[in-house]
Amino acid sequence: MNEIKIDPLVEKIAKRMLARSNAGVIKYGNTMRTAEKPLVEWINDTQEELIDAVVYLEKVKEKISQ
């Protein structure tokens, strides 16, 4: 039988995701499964997160080109 190999990078990210989820449950009192708001708000939240990600990537590009 093949041994399952765990990617350490994926495991690290999964642990961070779980910690972030747990913090959100404590802060907001519900999970993503039970959270409710209008669909357009989910879209807006996602757009804001992606915009932040682009800004962070641009900052990294500047730092590595210095």
PDB file of N, CA and C in Angstrom:
ATOM      1  N   MET A   1       0.855  -1.183   0.000  1.00  0.00           N
ATOM      2  CA  MET A   1       0.000   0.000   0.000  1.00  0.00           C
ATOM      3  C   MET A   1       0.898   1.244   0.000  1.00  0.00           C
ATOM      4  N   ASN A   2       0.494   2.269  -0.773  1.00  0.00           N
ATOM      5  CA  ASN A   2       1.278   3.500  -0.841  1.00  0.00           C
ATOM      6  C   ASN A   2       1.117   4.319   0.431  1.00  0.00           C
ATOM      7  N   GLU A   3       2.234   4.842   0.883  1.00  0.00           N
ATOM      8  CA  GLU A   3       2.217   5.703   2.058  1.00  0.00           C
ATOM      9  C   GLU A   3       1.784   7.104   1.628  1.00  0.00           C
ATOM     10  N   ILE A   4       0.885   7.694   2.399  1.00  0.00           N
ATOM     11  CA  ILE A   4       0.442   9.057   2.108  1.00  0.00           C
ATOM     12  C   ILE A   4       1.506  10.019   2.590  1.00  0.00           C
ATOM     13  N   LYS A   5       1.936  10.886   1.687  1.00  0.00           N
ATOM     14  CA  LYS A   5       2.933  11.895   2.038  1.00  0.00           C
ATOM     15  C   LYS A   5       2.231  13.227   2.241  1.00  0.00           C
ATOM     16  N   ILE A   6       2.519  13.865   3.345  1.00  0.00           N
ATOM     17  CA  ILE A   6       1.922  15.154   3.672  1.00  0.00           C
ATOM     18  C   ILE A   6       2.894  16.253   3.277  1.00  0.00           C
ATOM     19  N   ASP A   7       2.396  17.183   2.480  1.00  0.00           N
ATOM     20  CA  ASP A   7       3.196  18.331   2.066  1.00  0.00           C
ATOM     21  C   ASP A   7       3.295  19.284   3.252  1.00  0.00           C
ATOM     22  N   PRO A   8       4.491  19.542   3.757  1.00  0.00           N
ATOM     23  CA  PRO A   8       4.644  20.399   4.936  1.00  0.00           C
ATOM     24  C   PRO A   8       4.110  21.817   4.715  1.00  0.00           C
ATOM     25  N   LEU A   9       4.220  22.329   3.505  1.00  0.00           N
ATOM     26  CA  LEU A   9       3.719  23.666   3.222  1.00  0.00           C
ATOM     27  C   LEU A   9       2.192  23.692   3.305  1.00  0.00           C
ATOM     28  N   VAL A  10       1.553  22.686   2.742  1.00  0.00           N
ATOM     29  CA  VAL A  10       0.091  22.592   2.803  1.00  0.00           C
ATOM     30  C   VAL A  10      -0.360  22.414   4.244  1.00  0.00           C
ATOM     31  N   GLU A  11       0.358  21.600   5.004  1.00  0.00           N
ATOM     32  CA  GLU A  11       0.015  21.395   6.410  1.00  0.00           C
ATOM     33  C   GLU A  11       0.132  22.708   7.194  1.00  0.00           C
ATOM     34  N   LYS A  12       1.169  23.480   6.921  1.00  0.00           N
ATOM     35  CA  LYS A  12       1.364  24.774   7.588  1.00  0.00           C
ATOM     36  C   LYS A  12       0.206  25.717   7.275  1.00  0.00           C
ATOM     37  N   ILE A  13      -0.189  25.769   6.009  1.00  0.00           N
ATOM     38  CA  ILE A  13      -1.290  26.629   5.600  1.00  0.00           C
ATOM     39  C   ILE A  13      -2.601  26.165   6.228  1.00  0.00           C
ATOM     40  N   ALA A  14      -2.829  24.861   6.252  1.00  0.00           N
ATOM     41  CA  ALA A  14      -4.053  24.313   6.846  1.00  0.00           C
ATOM     42  C   ALA A  14      -4.155  24.687   8.326  1.00  0.00           C
ATOM     43  N   LYS A  15      -3.047  24.629   9.043  1.00  0.00           N
ATOM     44  CA  LYS A  15      -3.049  24.999  10.463  1.00  0.00           C
ATOM     45  C   LYS A  15      -3.381  26.475  10.639  1.00  0.00           C
ATOM     46  N   ARG A  16      -2.834  27.322   9.757  1.00  0.00           N
ATOM     47  CA  ARG A  16      -3.144  28.758   9.820  1.00  0.00           C
ATOM     48  C   ARG A  16      -4.617  29.006   9.517  1.00  0.00           C
ATOM     49  N   MET A  17      -5.152  28.284   8.532  1.00  0.00           N
ATOM     50  CA  MET A  17      -6.568  28.435   8.190  1.00  0.00           C
ATOM     51  C   MET A  17      -7.456  28.038   9.366  1.00  0.00           C
ATOM     52  N   LEU A  18      -7.123  26.940  10.019  1.00  0.00           N
ATOM     53  CA  LEU A  18      -7.906  26.483  11.161  1.00  0.00           C
ATOM     54  C   LEU A  18      -7.839  27.491  12.305  1.00  0.00           C
ATOM     55  N   ALA A  19      -6.658  28.032  12.569  1.00  0.00           N
ATOM     56  CA  ALA A  19      -6.511  29.030  13.629  1.00  0.00           C
ATOM     57  C   ALA A  19      -7.322  30.281  13.302  1.00  0.00           C
ATOM     58  N   ARG A  20      -7.279  30.702  12.038  1.00  0.00           N
ATOM     59  CA  ARG A  20      -8.044  31.887  11.618  1.00  0.00           C
ATOM     60  C   ARG A  20      -9.545  31.624  11.736  1.00  0.00           C
ATOM     61  N   SER A  21      -9.971  30.436  11.346  1.00  0.00           N
ATOM     62  CA  SER A  21     -11.378  30.076  11.459  1.00  0.00           C
ATOM     63  C   SER A  21     -11.828  30.090  12.918  1.00  0.00           C
ATOM     64  N   ASN A  22     -11.030  29.499  13.783  1.00  0.00           N
ATOM     65  CA  ASN A  22     -11.375  29.461  15.209  1.00  0.00           C
ATOM     66  C   ASN A  22     -11.477  30.869  15.786  1.00  0.00           C
ATOM     67  N   ALA A  23     -10.561  31.759  15.381  1.00  0.00           N
ATOM     68  CA  ALA A  23     -10.611  33.149  15.852  1.00  0.00           C
ATOM     69  C   ALA A  23     -11.896  33.826  15.367  1.00  0.00           C
ATOM     70  N   GLY A  24     -12.298  33.536  14.131  1.00  0.00           N
ATOM     71  CA  GLY A  24     -13.530  34.103  13.600  1.00  0.00           C
ATOM     72  C   GLY A  24     -14.765  33.599  14.328  1.00  0.00           C
ATOM     73  N   VAL A  25     -14.764  32.326  14.668  1.00  0.00           N
ATOM     74  CA  VAL A  25     -15.895  31.762  15.414  1.00  0.00           C
ATOM     75  C   VAL A  25     -16.000  32.444  16.778  1.00  0.00           C
ATOM     76  N   ILE A  26     -14.879  32.651  17.426  1.00  0.00           N
ATOM     77  CA  ILE A  26     -14.877  33.330  18.728  1.00  0.00           C
ATOM     78  C   ILE A  26     -15.348  34.772  18.567  1.00  0.00           C
ATOM     79  N   LYS A  27     -14.844  35.468  17.551  1.00  0.00           N
ATOM     80  CA  LYS A  27     -15.174  36.886  17.358  1.00  0.00           C
ATOM     81  C   LYS A  27     -16.624  37.091  16.932  1.00  0.00           C
ATOM     82  N   TYR A  28     -17.111  36.279  15.971  1.00  0.00           N
ATOM     83  CA  TYR A  28     -18.430  36.514  15.391  1.00  0.00           C
ATOM     84  C   TYR A  28     -19.515  35.568  15.906  1.00  0.00           C
ATOM     85  N   GLY A  29     -19.124  34.513  16.614  1.00  0.00           N
ATOM     86  CA  GLY A  29     -20.103  33.622  17.217  1.00  0.00           C
ATOM     87  C   GLY A  29     -20.768  32.646  16.262  1.00  0.00           C
ATOM     88  N   ASN A  30     -20.227  32.519  15.041  1.00  0.00           N
ATOM     89  CA  ASN A  30     -20.765  31.517  14.131  1.00  0.00           C
ATOM     90  C   ASN A  30     -19.670  31.086  13.157  1.00  0.00           C
ATOM     91  N   THR A  31     -20.004  30.101  12.350  1.00  0.00           N
ATOM     92  CA  THR A  31     -19.044  29.597  11.368  1.00  0.00           C
ATOM     93  C   THR A  31     -19.419  30.125   9.987  1.00  0.00           C
ATOM     94  N   MET A  32     -18.554  29.916   9.017  1.00  0.00           N
ATOM     95  CA  MET A  32     -18.878  30.316   7.647  1.00  0.00           C
ATOM     96  C   MET A  32     -20.115  29.578   7.158  1.00  0.00           C
ATOM     97  N   ARG A  33     -20.313  28.369   7.597  1.00  0.00           N
ATOM     98  CA  ARG A  33     -21.489  27.601   7.177  1.00  0.00           C
ATOM     99  C   ARG A  33     -22.773  28.240   7.693  1.00  0.00           C
ATOM    100  N   THR A  34     -22.729  28.820   8.893  1.00  0.00           N
ATOM    101  CA  THR A  34     -23.948  29.378   9.488  1.00  0.00           C
ATOM    102  C   THR A  34     -24.066  30.889   9.297  1.00  0.00           C
ATOM    103  N   ALA A  35     -23.019  31.539   8.813  1.00  0.00           N
ATOM    104  CA  ALA A  35     -23.047  32.994   8.618  1.00  0.00           C
ATOM    105  C   ALA A  35     -24.047  33.359   7.520  1.00  0.00           C
ATOM    106  N   GLU A  36     -24.774  34.422   7.742  1.00  0.00           N
ATOM    107  CA  GLU A  36     -25.782  34.877   6.781  1.00  0.00           C
ATOM    108  C   GLU A  36     -25.606  36.362   6.502  1.00  0.00           C
ATOM    109  N   LYS A  37     -25.629  36.714   5.228  1.00  0.00           N
ATOM    110  CA  LYS A  37     -25.698  38.101   4.784  1.00  0.00           C
ATOM    111  C   LYS A  37     -26.046  38.078   3.301  1.00  0.00           C
ATOM    112  N   PRO A  38     -26.441  39.202   2.764  1.00  0.00           N
ATOM    113  CA  PRO A  38     -26.795  39.229   1.342  1.00  0.00           C
ATOM    114  C   PRO A  38     -25.606  38.817   0.461  1.00  0.00           C
ATOM    115  N   LEU A  39     -25.908  38.140  -0.635  1.00  0.00           N
ATOM    116  CA  LEU A  39     -24.856  37.651  -1.531  1.00  0.00           C
ATOM    117  C   LEU A  39     -23.925  38.755  -1.995  1.00  0.00           C
ATOM    118  N   VAL A  40     -24.457  39.937  -2.256  1.00  0.00           N
ATOM    119  CA  VAL A  40     -23.605  41.030  -2.730  1.00  0.00           C
ATOM    120  C   VAL A  40     -22.552  41.392  -1.681  1.00  0.00           C
ATOM    121  N   GLU A  41     -22.862  41.231  -0.411  1.00  0.00           N
ATOM    122  CA  GLU A  41     -21.872  41.500   0.637  1.00  0.00           C
ATOM    123  C   GLU A  41     -20.749  40.473   0.614  1.00  0.00           C
ATOM    124  N   TRP A  42     -21.077  39.211   0.306  1.00  0.00           N
ATOM    125  CA  TRP A  42     -20.030  38.183   0.172  1.00  0.00           C
ATOM    126  C   TRP A  42     -19.110  38.556  -0.999  1.00  0.00           C
ATOM    127  N   ILE A  43     -19.707  39.026  -2.080  1.00  0.00           N
ATOM    128  CA  ILE A  43     -18.908  39.426  -3.246  1.00  0.00           C
ATOM    129  C   ILE A  43     -18.030  40.613  -2.890  1.00  0.00           C
ATOM    130  N   ASN A  44     -18.596  41.610  -2.226  1.00  0.00           N
ATOM    131  CA  ASN A  44     -17.813  42.789  -1.831  1.00  0.00           C
ATOM    132  C   ASN A  44     -16.659  42.415  -0.907  1.00  0.00           C
ATOM    133  N   ASP A  45     -16.928  41.555   0.066  1.00  0.00           N
ATOM    134  CA  ASP A  45     -15.874  41.113   0.988  1.00  0.00           C
ATOM    135  C   ASP A  45     -14.743  40.422   0.228  1.00  0.00           C
ATOM    136  N   THR A  46     -15.109  39.576  -0.714  1.00  0.00           N
ATOM    137  CA  THR A  46     -14.097  38.859  -1.502  1.00  0.00           C
ATOM    138  C   THR A  46     -13.284  39.831  -2.342  1.00  0.00           C
ATOM    139  N   GLN A  47     -13.936  40.787  -2.971  1.00  0.00           N
ATOM    140  CA  GLN A  47     -13.216  41.787  -3.766  1.00  0.00           C
ATOM    141  C   GLN A  47     -12.227  42.573  -2.902  1.00  0.00           C
ATOM    142  N   GLU A  48     -12.644  42.954  -1.711  1.00  0.00           N
ATOM    143  CA  GLU A  48     -11.754  43.689  -0.814  1.00  0.00           C
ATOM    144  C   GLU A  48     -10.542  42.849  -0.423  1.00  0.00           C
ATOM    145  N   GLU A  49     -10.771  41.577  -0.131  1.00  0.00           N
ATOM    146  CA  GLU A  49      -9.660  40.686   0.216  1.00  0.00           C
ATOM    147  C   GLU A  49      -8.688  40.542  -0.956  1.00  0.00           C
ATOM    148  N   LEU A  50      -9.217  40.407  -2.160  1.00  0.00           N
ATOM    149  CA  LEU A  50      -8.356  40.254  -3.337  1.00  0.00           C
ATOM    150  C   LEU A  50      -7.603  41.535  -3.652  1.00  0.00           C
ATOM    151  N   ILE A  51      -8.243  42.684  -3.459  1.00  0.00           N
ATOM    152  CA  ILE A  51      -7.546  43.960  -3.645  1.00  0.00           C
ATOM    153  C   ILE A  51      -6.387  44.063  -2.665  1.00  0.00           C
ATOM    154  N   ASP A  52      -6.633  43.709  -1.405  1.00  0.00           N
ATOM    155  CA  ASP A  52      -5.553  43.709  -0.408  1.00  0.00           C
ATOM    156  C   ASP A  52      -4.419  42.794  -0.855  1.00  0.00           C
ATOM    157  N   ALA A  53      -4.755  41.623  -1.370  1.00  0.00           N
ATOM    158  CA  ALA A  53      -3.735  40.669  -1.808  1.00  0.00           C
ATOM    159  C   ALA A  53      -2.875  41.259  -2.921  1.00  0.00           C
ATOM    160  N   VAL A  54      -3.492  41.965  -3.855  1.00  0.00           N
ATOM    161  CA  VAL A  54      -2.738  42.583  -4.946  1.00  0.00           C
ATOM    162  C   VAL A  54      -1.790  43.651  -4.391  1.00  0.00           C
ATOM    163  N   VAL A  55      -2.247  44.429  -3.428  1.00  0.00           N
ATOM    164  CA  VAL A  55      -1.387  45.451  -2.814  1.00  0.00           C
ATOM    165  C   VAL A  55      -0.202  44.782  -2.115  1.00  0.00           C
ATOM    166  N   TYR A  56      -0.462  43.706  -1.385  1.00  0.00           N
ATOM    167  CA  TYR A  56       0.625  42.996  -0.700  1.00  0.00           C
ATOM    168  C   TYR A  56       1.637  42.456  -1.705  1.00  0.00           C
ATOM    169  N   LEU A  57       1.158  41.894  -2.800  1.00  0.00           N
ATOM    170  CA  LEU A  57       2.066  41.360  -3.824  1.00  0.00           C
ATOM    171  C   LEU A  57       2.888  42.465  -4.466  1.00  0.00           C
ATOM    172  N   GLU A  58       2.298  43.612  -4.679  1.00  0.00           N
ATOM    173  CA  GLU A  58       3.046  44.741  -5.254  1.00  0.00           C
ATOM    174  C   GLU A  58       4.148  45.185  -4.297  1.00  0.00           C
ATOM    175  N   LYS A  59       3.843  45.196  -3.003  1.00  0.00           N
ATOM    176  CA  LYS A  59       4.848  45.543  -1.994  1.00  0.00           C
ATOM    177  C   LYS A  59       6.008  44.560  -2.036  1.00  0.00           C
ATOM    178  N   VAL A  60       5.710  43.263  -2.127  1.00  0.00           N
ATOM    179  CA  VAL A  60       6.752  42.244  -2.195  1.00  0.00           C
ATOM    180  C   VAL A  60       7.594  42.439  -3.451  1.00  0.00           C
ATOM    181  N   LYS A  61       6.958  42.733  -4.575  1.00  0.00           N
ATOM    182  CA  LYS A  61       7.702  42.982  -5.816  1.00  0.00           C
ATOM    183  C   LYS A  61       8.688  44.138  -5.638  1.00  0.00           C
ATOM    184  N   GLU A  62       8.233  45.207  -4.989  1.00  0.00           N
ATOM    185  CA  GLU A  62       9.121  46.346  -4.731  1.00  0.00           C
ATOM    186  C   GLU A  62      10.289  45.941  -3.850  1.00  0.00           C
ATOM    187  N   LYS A  63      10.009  45.175  -2.805  1.00  0.00           N
ATOM    188  CA  LYS A  63      11.070  44.757  -1.880  1.00  0.00           C
ATOM    189  C   LYS A  63      12.107  43.884  -2.563  1.00  0.00           C
ATOM    190  N   ILE A  64      11.695  42.974  -3.455  1.00  0.00           N
ATOM    191  CA  ILE A  64      12.660  42.080  -4.079  1.00  0.00           C
ATOM    192  C   ILE A  64      13.398  42.740  -5.238  1.00  0.00           C
ATOM    193  N   SER A  65      12.897  43.879  -5.708  1.00  0.00           N
ATOM    194  CA  SER A  65      13.590  44.564  -6.805  1.00  0.00           C
ATOM    195  C   SER A  65      14.524  45.664  -6.303  1.00  0.00           C
ATOM    196  N   GLN A  66      14.581  45.844  -5.002  1.00  0.00           N
ATOM    197  CA  GLN A  66      15.473  46.877  -4.421  1.00  0.00           C
ATOM    198  C   GLN A  66      16.909  46.403  -4.412  1.00  0.00           C
TER     199      GLN A  66
END
